[in-house]
Amino acid sequence: MTPAIETANRLAKHFNTDKQRNFESNFLKDAEVYETWDSVEIGRAFPGKLKFVVKDEDVLFYNKSIGETDPLMVDPAYAKKHSPTGELIQHPLFVVQVAFYCIENGPGSWIRSPGARNPGQKIEIWEPFKSGETISMTVVAFDRWIRRGKHYITDKLDFHNEHGVRKATWWLTLIIPPNREGILKFARM
């Protein structure tokens, strides 16, 4: 059994929702079409390809999959009575799931790059996502640079609901391979 199949089998127990089961989690599969460091157009805004409709199950199973045990985060009945929103409290990194879902391939897809390393990020949550909201995302390639021979890139991802209410902003910085050849080198390992 290959390492990729072993990993897929190990992670399968965490896929409980239709979104999770239908999400392509093998980031090596489409590596040949990902945006690359050397092709990113700084300053241009692009909409995410998909929209994320927030469901109670998305929050519940995300929280459970990362090991949360607080009843405000994993017990819907308890959260309904005790949460300030009357809904489950989302883990602050819930926005990452939304981003990966919305990006797919195209602008911003470099965040899926094989060989990427994460030196830092900043997430600003303006208000919690609410069940039933349709979240759209805008990706702006903010900056890229080379330091100590490593290729850094930062995107600004803005998340809004169907009424234009800003929900979150994620400043994402990764160190990624410099070009398609570098990405494919990691994808073929």
C-alpha atoms as a PDB file:
ATOM      1  CA  MET A   1       0.000   0.000   0.000  1.00  0.00           C
ATOM      2  CA  THR A   2       1.387   3.419  -0.986  1.00  0.00           C
ATOM      3  CA  PRO A   3       1.853   6.181   1.612  1.00  0.00           C
ATOM      4  CA  ALA A   4      -0.863   8.249  -0.131  1.00  0.00           C
ATOM      5  CA  ILE A   5      -3.399   5.413   0.174  1.00  0.00           C
ATOM      6  CA  GLU A   6      -2.420   4.795   3.801  1.00  0.00           C
ATOM      7  CA  THR A   7      -2.934   8.488   4.586  1.00  0.00           C
ATOM      8  CA  ALA A   8      -6.290   8.553   2.774  1.00  0.00           C
ATOM      9  CA  ASN A   9      -7.459   5.502   4.730  1.00  0.00           C
ATOM     10  CA  ARG A  10      -6.315   7.025   8.032  1.00  0.00           C
ATOM     11  CA  LEU A  11      -8.096  10.309   7.346  1.00  0.00           C
ATOM     12  CA  ALA A  12     -11.333   8.769   5.989  1.00  0.00           C
ATOM     13  CA  LYS A  13     -12.800   8.470   9.500  1.00  0.00           C
ATOM     14  CA  HIS A  14     -12.840  12.291   9.668  1.00  0.00           C
ATOM     15  CA  PHE A  15     -14.949  12.702   6.512  1.00  0.00           C
ATOM     16  CA  ASN A  16     -18.493  12.854   7.843  1.00  0.00           C
ATOM     17  CA  THR A  17     -20.261  15.448   5.675  1.00  0.00           C
ATOM     18  CA  ASP A  18     -21.025  15.480   1.968  1.00  0.00           C
ATOM     19  CA  LYS A  19     -18.645  18.440   1.523  1.00  0.00           C
ATOM     20  CA  GLN A  20     -15.850  16.509   3.190  1.00  0.00           C
ATOM     21  CA  ARG A  21     -16.487  13.305   1.255  1.00  0.00           C
ATOM     22  CA  ASN A  22     -16.667  15.151  -2.082  1.00  0.00           C
ATOM     23  CA  PHE A  23     -13.650  17.392  -1.450  1.00  0.00           C
ATOM     24  CA  GLU A  24     -10.513  16.367  -3.341  1.00  0.00           C
ATOM     25  CA  SER A  25      -7.987  16.068  -0.537  1.00  0.00           C
ATOM     26  CA  ASN A  26      -5.237  14.582  -2.682  1.00  0.00           C
ATOM     27  CA  PHE A  27      -3.372  17.817  -3.383  1.00  0.00           C
ATOM     28  CA  LEU A  28      -0.860  15.952  -5.547  1.00  0.00           C
ATOM     29  CA  LYS A  29      -3.554  15.074  -8.092  1.00  0.00           C
ATOM     30  CA  ASP A  30      -3.860  18.510  -9.734  1.00  0.00           C
ATOM     31  CA  ALA A  31      -0.390  19.866  -8.989  1.00  0.00           C
ATOM     32  CA  GLU A  32       0.311  20.430 -12.692  1.00  0.00           C
ATOM     33  CA  VAL A  33      -2.400  23.121 -12.882  1.00  0.00           C
ATOM     34  CA  TYR A  34      -1.777  24.985  -9.627  1.00  0.00           C
ATOM     35  CA  GLU A  35      -0.833  28.629  -9.718  1.00  0.00           C
ATOM     36  CA  THR A  36       2.922  28.944  -9.181  1.00  0.00           C
ATOM     37  CA  TRP A  37       5.068  31.494  -7.354  1.00  0.00           C
ATOM     38  CA  ASP A  38       6.576  32.757 -10.593  1.00  0.00           C
ATOM     39  CA  SER A  39       3.148  33.228 -12.246  1.00  0.00           C
ATOM     40  CA  VAL A  40       1.222  34.981  -9.458  1.00  0.00           C
ATOM     41  CA  GLU A  41      -0.114  38.401 -10.457  1.00  0.00           C
ATOM     42  CA  ILE A  42       0.374  40.689  -7.436  1.00  0.00           C
ATOM     43  CA  GLY A  43      -2.527  43.010  -6.612  1.00  0.00           C
ATOM     44  CA  ARG A  44      -5.199  41.398  -8.765  1.00  0.00           C
ATOM     45  CA  ALA A  45      -8.379  40.228  -7.015  1.00  0.00           C
ATOM     46  CA  PHE A  46     -10.132  37.012  -8.014  1.00  0.00           C
ATOM     47  CA  PRO A  47     -13.296  35.397  -6.707  1.00  0.00           C
ATOM     48  CA  GLY A  48     -13.018  31.892  -5.259  1.00  0.00           C
ATOM     49  CA  LYS A  49     -14.347  29.322  -7.717  1.00  0.00           C
ATOM     50  CA  LEU A  50     -16.842  27.825  -5.267  1.00  0.00           C
ATOM     51  CA  LYS A  51     -19.133  29.154  -2.551  1.00  0.00           C
ATOM     52  CA  PHE A  52     -19.387  27.528   0.862  1.00  0.00           C
ATOM     53  CA  VAL A  53     -22.893  27.091   2.295  1.00  0.00           C
ATOM     54  CA  VAL A  54     -22.398  26.836   6.062  1.00  0.00           C
ATOM     55  CA  LYS A  55     -24.239  23.965   7.718  1.00  0.00           C
ATOM     56  CA  ASP A  56     -24.324  22.980  11.378  1.00  0.00           C
ATOM     57  CA  GLU A  57     -22.658  19.701  10.427  1.00  0.00           C
ATOM     58  CA  ASP A  58     -19.711  21.549   8.838  1.00  0.00           C
ATOM     59  CA  VAL A  59     -18.912  23.267  12.128  1.00  0.00           C
ATOM     60  CA  LEU A  60     -19.599  20.195  14.266  1.00  0.00           C
ATOM     61  CA  PHE A  61     -17.444  17.790  12.300  1.00  0.00           C
ATOM     62  CA  TYR A  62     -14.643  20.287  11.738  1.00  0.00           C
ATOM     63  CA  ASN A  63     -14.476  20.886  15.493  1.00  0.00           C
ATOM     64  CA  LYS A  64     -14.577  17.161  16.231  1.00  0.00           C
ATOM     65  CA  SER A  65     -11.967  16.318  13.586  1.00  0.00           C
ATOM     66  CA  ILE A  66      -9.412  18.612  15.227  1.00  0.00           C
ATOM     67  CA  GLY A  67     -10.039  17.090  18.649  1.00  0.00           C
ATOM     68  CA  GLU A  68     -12.230  19.731  20.290  1.00  0.00           C
ATOM     69  CA  THR A  69     -14.134  18.525  23.367  1.00  0.00           C
ATOM     70  CA  ASP A  70     -15.701  21.740  24.714  1.00  0.00           C
ATOM     71  CA  PRO A  71     -19.501  21.243  24.656  1.00  0.00           C
ATOM     72  CA  LEU A  72     -19.897  24.731  23.167  1.00  0.00           C
ATOM     73  CA  MET A  73     -18.022  23.370  20.160  1.00  0.00           C
ATOM     74  CA  VAL A  74     -19.245  19.776  19.872  1.00  0.00           C
ATOM     75  CA  ASP A  75     -22.694  19.536  21.542  1.00  0.00           C
ATOM     76  CA  PRO A  76     -25.368  21.351  19.479  1.00  0.00           C
ATOM     77  CA  ALA A  77     -28.028  21.112  22.232  1.00  0.00           C
ATOM     78  CA  TYR A  78     -25.658  22.548  24.832  1.00  0.00           C
ATOM     79  CA  ALA A  79     -24.507  25.307  22.453  1.00  0.00           C
ATOM     80  CA  LYS A  80     -28.108  26.250  21.638  1.00  0.00           C
ATOM     81  CA  LYS A  81     -28.671  27.042  25.336  1.00  0.00           C
ATOM     82  CA  HIS A  82     -25.269  28.466  26.313  1.00  0.00           C
ATOM     83  CA  SER A  83     -23.555  29.915  23.228  1.00  0.00           C
ATOM     84  CA  PRO A  84     -23.807  33.684  22.641  1.00  0.00           C
ATOM     85  CA  THR A  85     -25.001  32.954  19.078  1.00  0.00           C
ATOM     86  CA  GLY A  86     -27.237  29.991  19.932  1.00  0.00           C
ATOM     87  CA  GLU A  87     -25.085  27.901  17.600  1.00  0.00           C
ATOM     88  CA  LEU A  88     -21.937  25.838  17.953  1.00  0.00           C
ATOM     89  CA  ILE A  89     -18.827  27.942  18.465  1.00  0.00           C
ATOM     90  CA  GLN A  90     -16.485  27.544  15.514  1.00  0.00           C
ATOM     91  CA  HIS A  91     -12.842  26.827  15.973  1.00  0.00           C
ATOM     92  CA  PRO A  92     -10.878  29.905  14.811  1.00  0.00           C
ATOM     93  CA  LEU A  93      -9.306  27.838  12.028  1.00  0.00           C
ATOM     94  CA  PHE A  94     -12.718  26.918  10.557  1.00  0.00           C
ATOM     95  CA  VAL A  95     -12.016  29.626   7.973  1.00  0.00           C
ATOM     96  CA  VAL A  96      -9.179  27.470   6.587  1.00  0.00           C
ATOM     97  CA  GLN A  97     -11.694  24.773   5.633  1.00  0.00           C
ATOM     98  CA  VAL A  98     -13.826  27.397   3.898  1.00  0.00           C
ATOM     99  CA  ALA A  99     -10.810  28.743   1.973  1.00  0.00           C
ATOM    100  CA  PHE A 100      -9.625  25.373   0.717  1.00  0.00           C
ATOM    101  CA  TYR A 101     -13.160  24.544  -0.368  1.00  0.00           C
ATOM    102  CA  CYS A 102     -13.639  27.851  -2.230  1.00  0.00           C
ATOM    103  CA  ILE A 103     -10.280  27.943  -4.027  1.00  0.00           C
ATOM    104  CA  GLU A 104     -10.234  24.643  -5.900  1.00  0.00           C
ATOM    105  CA  ASN A 105      -7.877  25.329  -8.855  1.00  0.00           C
ATOM    106  CA  GLY A 106      -6.985  28.690 -10.334  1.00  0.00           C
ATOM    107  CA  PRO A 107      -5.919  31.902  -8.564  1.00  0.00           C
ATOM    108  CA  GLY A 108      -4.769  31.162  -5.029  1.00  0.00           C
ATOM    109  CA  SER A 109      -4.380  27.444  -5.693  1.00  0.00           C
ATOM    110  CA  TRP A 110      -0.725  27.738  -4.729  1.00  0.00           C
ATOM    111  CA  ILE A 111      -1.896  27.196  -1.124  1.00  0.00           C
ATOM    112  CA  ARG A 112      -2.256  23.518  -2.070  1.00  0.00           C
ATOM    113  CA  SER A 113       1.293  23.323  -3.458  1.00  0.00           C
ATOM    114  CA  PRO A 114       3.187  20.138  -2.678  1.00  0.00           C
ATOM    115  CA  GLY A 115       6.278  21.108  -0.696  1.00  0.00           C
ATOM    116  CA  ALA A 116       4.690  24.221   0.839  1.00  0.00           C
ATOM    117  CA  ARG A 117       5.733  25.298   4.333  1.00  0.00           C
ATOM    118  CA  ASN A 118       3.815  27.662   6.595  1.00  0.00           C
ATOM    119  CA  PRO A 119       5.934  30.373   8.279  1.00  0.00           C
ATOM    120  CA  GLY A 120       2.909  32.300   9.524  1.00  0.00           C
ATOM    121  CA  GLN A 121      -0.584  33.567   9.053  1.00  0.00           C
ATOM    122  CA  LYS A 122      -3.010  36.052  10.514  1.00  0.00           C
ATOM    123  CA  ILE A 123      -6.750  35.482  10.724  1.00  0.00           C
ATOM    124  CA  GLU A 124      -9.169  38.257  11.611  1.00  0.00           C
ATOM    125  CA  ILE A 125     -12.687  37.054  12.403  1.00  0.00           C
ATOM    126  CA  TRP A 126     -15.156  39.914  12.081  1.00  0.00           C
ATOM    127  CA  GLU A 127     -18.170  37.835  13.062  1.00  0.00           C
ATOM    128  CA  PRO A 128     -18.845  34.095  13.229  1.00  0.00           C
ATOM    129  CA  PHE A 129     -20.120  32.256  10.194  1.00  0.00           C
ATOM    130  CA  LYS A 130     -23.777  31.376  10.682  1.00  0.00           C
ATOM    131  CA  SER A 131     -25.542  28.224   9.628  1.00  0.00           C
ATOM    132  CA  GLY A 132     -27.355  28.821   6.346  1.00  0.00           C
ATOM    133  CA  GLU A 133     -25.041  31.574   5.108  1.00  0.00           C
ATOM    134  CA  THR A 134     -23.475  31.308   1.672  1.00  0.00           C
ATOM    135  CA  ILE A 135     -19.845  32.367   1.942  1.00  0.00           C
ATOM    136  CA  SER A 136     -17.904  33.704  -1.003  1.00  0.00           C
ATOM    137  CA  MET A 137     -14.222  34.459  -0.953  1.00  0.00           C
ATOM    138  CA  THR A 138     -12.016  36.950  -2.768  1.00  0.00           C
ATOM    139  CA  VAL A 139      -8.312  36.178  -3.234  1.00  0.00           C
ATOM    140  CA  VAL A 140      -5.769  38.966  -3.664  1.00  0.00           C
ATOM    141  CA  ALA A 141      -2.129  38.063  -4.235  1.00  0.00           C
ATOM    142  CA  PHE A 142      -0.627  40.579  -1.833  1.00  0.00           C
ATOM    143  CA  ASP A 143       3.137  40.073  -2.003  1.00  0.00           C
ATOM    144  CA  ARG A 144       5.897  37.668  -2.960  1.00  0.00           C
ATOM    145  CA  TRP A 145       9.587  37.786  -2.186  1.00  0.00           C
ATOM    146  CA  ILE A 146      12.747  35.720  -1.868  1.00  0.00           C
ATOM    147  CA  ARG A 147      14.597  35.513   1.427  1.00  0.00           C
ATOM    148  CA  ARG A 148      17.558  33.222   2.103  1.00  0.00           C
ATOM    149  CA  GLY A 149      16.849  31.425  -1.184  1.00  0.00           C
ATOM    150  CA  LYS A 150      13.243  30.603  -0.233  1.00  0.00           C
ATOM    151  CA  HIS A 151      10.226  31.809  -2.206  1.00  0.00           C
ATOM    152  CA  TYR A 152       7.552  33.423  -0.004  1.00  0.00           C
ATOM    153  CA  ILE A 153       4.075  34.499  -1.030  1.00  0.00           C
ATOM    154  CA  THR A 154       1.220  36.154   0.844  1.00  0.00           C
ATOM    155  CA  ASP A 155      -2.426  36.231  -0.193  1.00  0.00           C
ATOM    156  CA  LYS A 156      -5.216  38.157   1.439  1.00  0.00           C
ATOM    157  CA  LEU A 157      -8.442  36.136   1.498  1.00  0.00           C
ATOM    158  CA  ASP A 158     -11.653  38.022   2.321  1.00  0.00           C
ATOM    159  CA  PHE A 159     -14.817  36.139   3.221  1.00  0.00           C
ATOM    160  CA  HIS A 160     -18.314  37.637   2.884  1.00  0.00           C
ATOM    161  CA  ASN A 161     -21.805  36.249   3.222  1.00  0.00           C
ATOM    162  CA  GLU A 162     -24.527  36.555   0.588  1.00  0.00           C
ATOM    163  CA  HIS A 163     -25.454  40.020   1.951  1.00  0.00           C
ATOM    164  CA  GLY A 164     -21.902  41.349   1.583  1.00  0.00           C
ATOM    165  CA  VAL A 165     -21.177  41.232   5.318  1.00  0.00           C
ATOM    166  CA  ARG A 166     -17.464  40.717   5.921  1.00  0.00           C
ATOM    167  CA  LYS A 167     -16.980  37.585   8.016  1.00  0.00           C
ATOM    168  CA  ALA A 168     -13.213  37.060   8.079  1.00  0.00           C
ATOM    169  CA  THR A 169      -9.891  38.015   6.532  1.00  0.00           C
ATOM    170  CA  TRP A 170      -6.994  35.569   6.309  1.00  0.00           C
ATOM    171  CA  TRP A 171      -3.481  36.777   5.517  1.00  0.00           C
ATOM    172  CA  LEU A 172      -1.794  33.569   4.406  1.00  0.00           C
ATOM    173  CA  THR A 173       1.951  33.307   3.892  1.00  0.00           C
ATOM    174  CA  LEU A 174       3.648  30.172   2.613  1.00  0.00           C
ATOM    175  CA  ILE A 175       7.075  29.194   1.391  1.00  0.00           C
ATOM    176  CA  ILE A 176       6.476  27.346  -1.868  1.00  0.00           C
ATOM    177  CA  PRO A 177       8.535  25.943  -4.735  1.00  0.00           C
ATOM    178  CA  PRO A 178       9.516  28.719  -7.173  1.00  0.00           C
ATOM    179  CA  ASN A 179       7.969  27.229 -10.314  1.00  0.00           C
ATOM    180  CA  ARG A 180       5.988  24.360 -11.854  1.00  0.00           C
ATOM    181  CA  GLU A 181       9.075  22.125 -11.991  1.00  0.00           C
ATOM    182  CA  GLY A 182       9.606  22.600  -8.250  1.00  0.00           C
ATOM    183  CA  ILE A 183       5.966  21.755  -7.444  1.00  0.00           C
ATOM    184  CA  LEU A 184       6.016  18.654  -9.634  1.00  0.00           C
ATOM    185  CA  LYS A 185       9.252  17.484  -8.006  1.00  0.00           C
ATOM    186  CA  PHE A 186       7.400  17.268  -4.671  1.00  0.00           C
ATOM    187  CA  ALA A 187       4.269  15.815  -6.291  1.00  0.00           C
ATOM    188  CA  ARG A 188       6.241  12.921  -7.794  1.00  0.00           C
ATOM    189  CA  MET A 189       8.133  11.945  -4.610  1.00  0.00           C
END
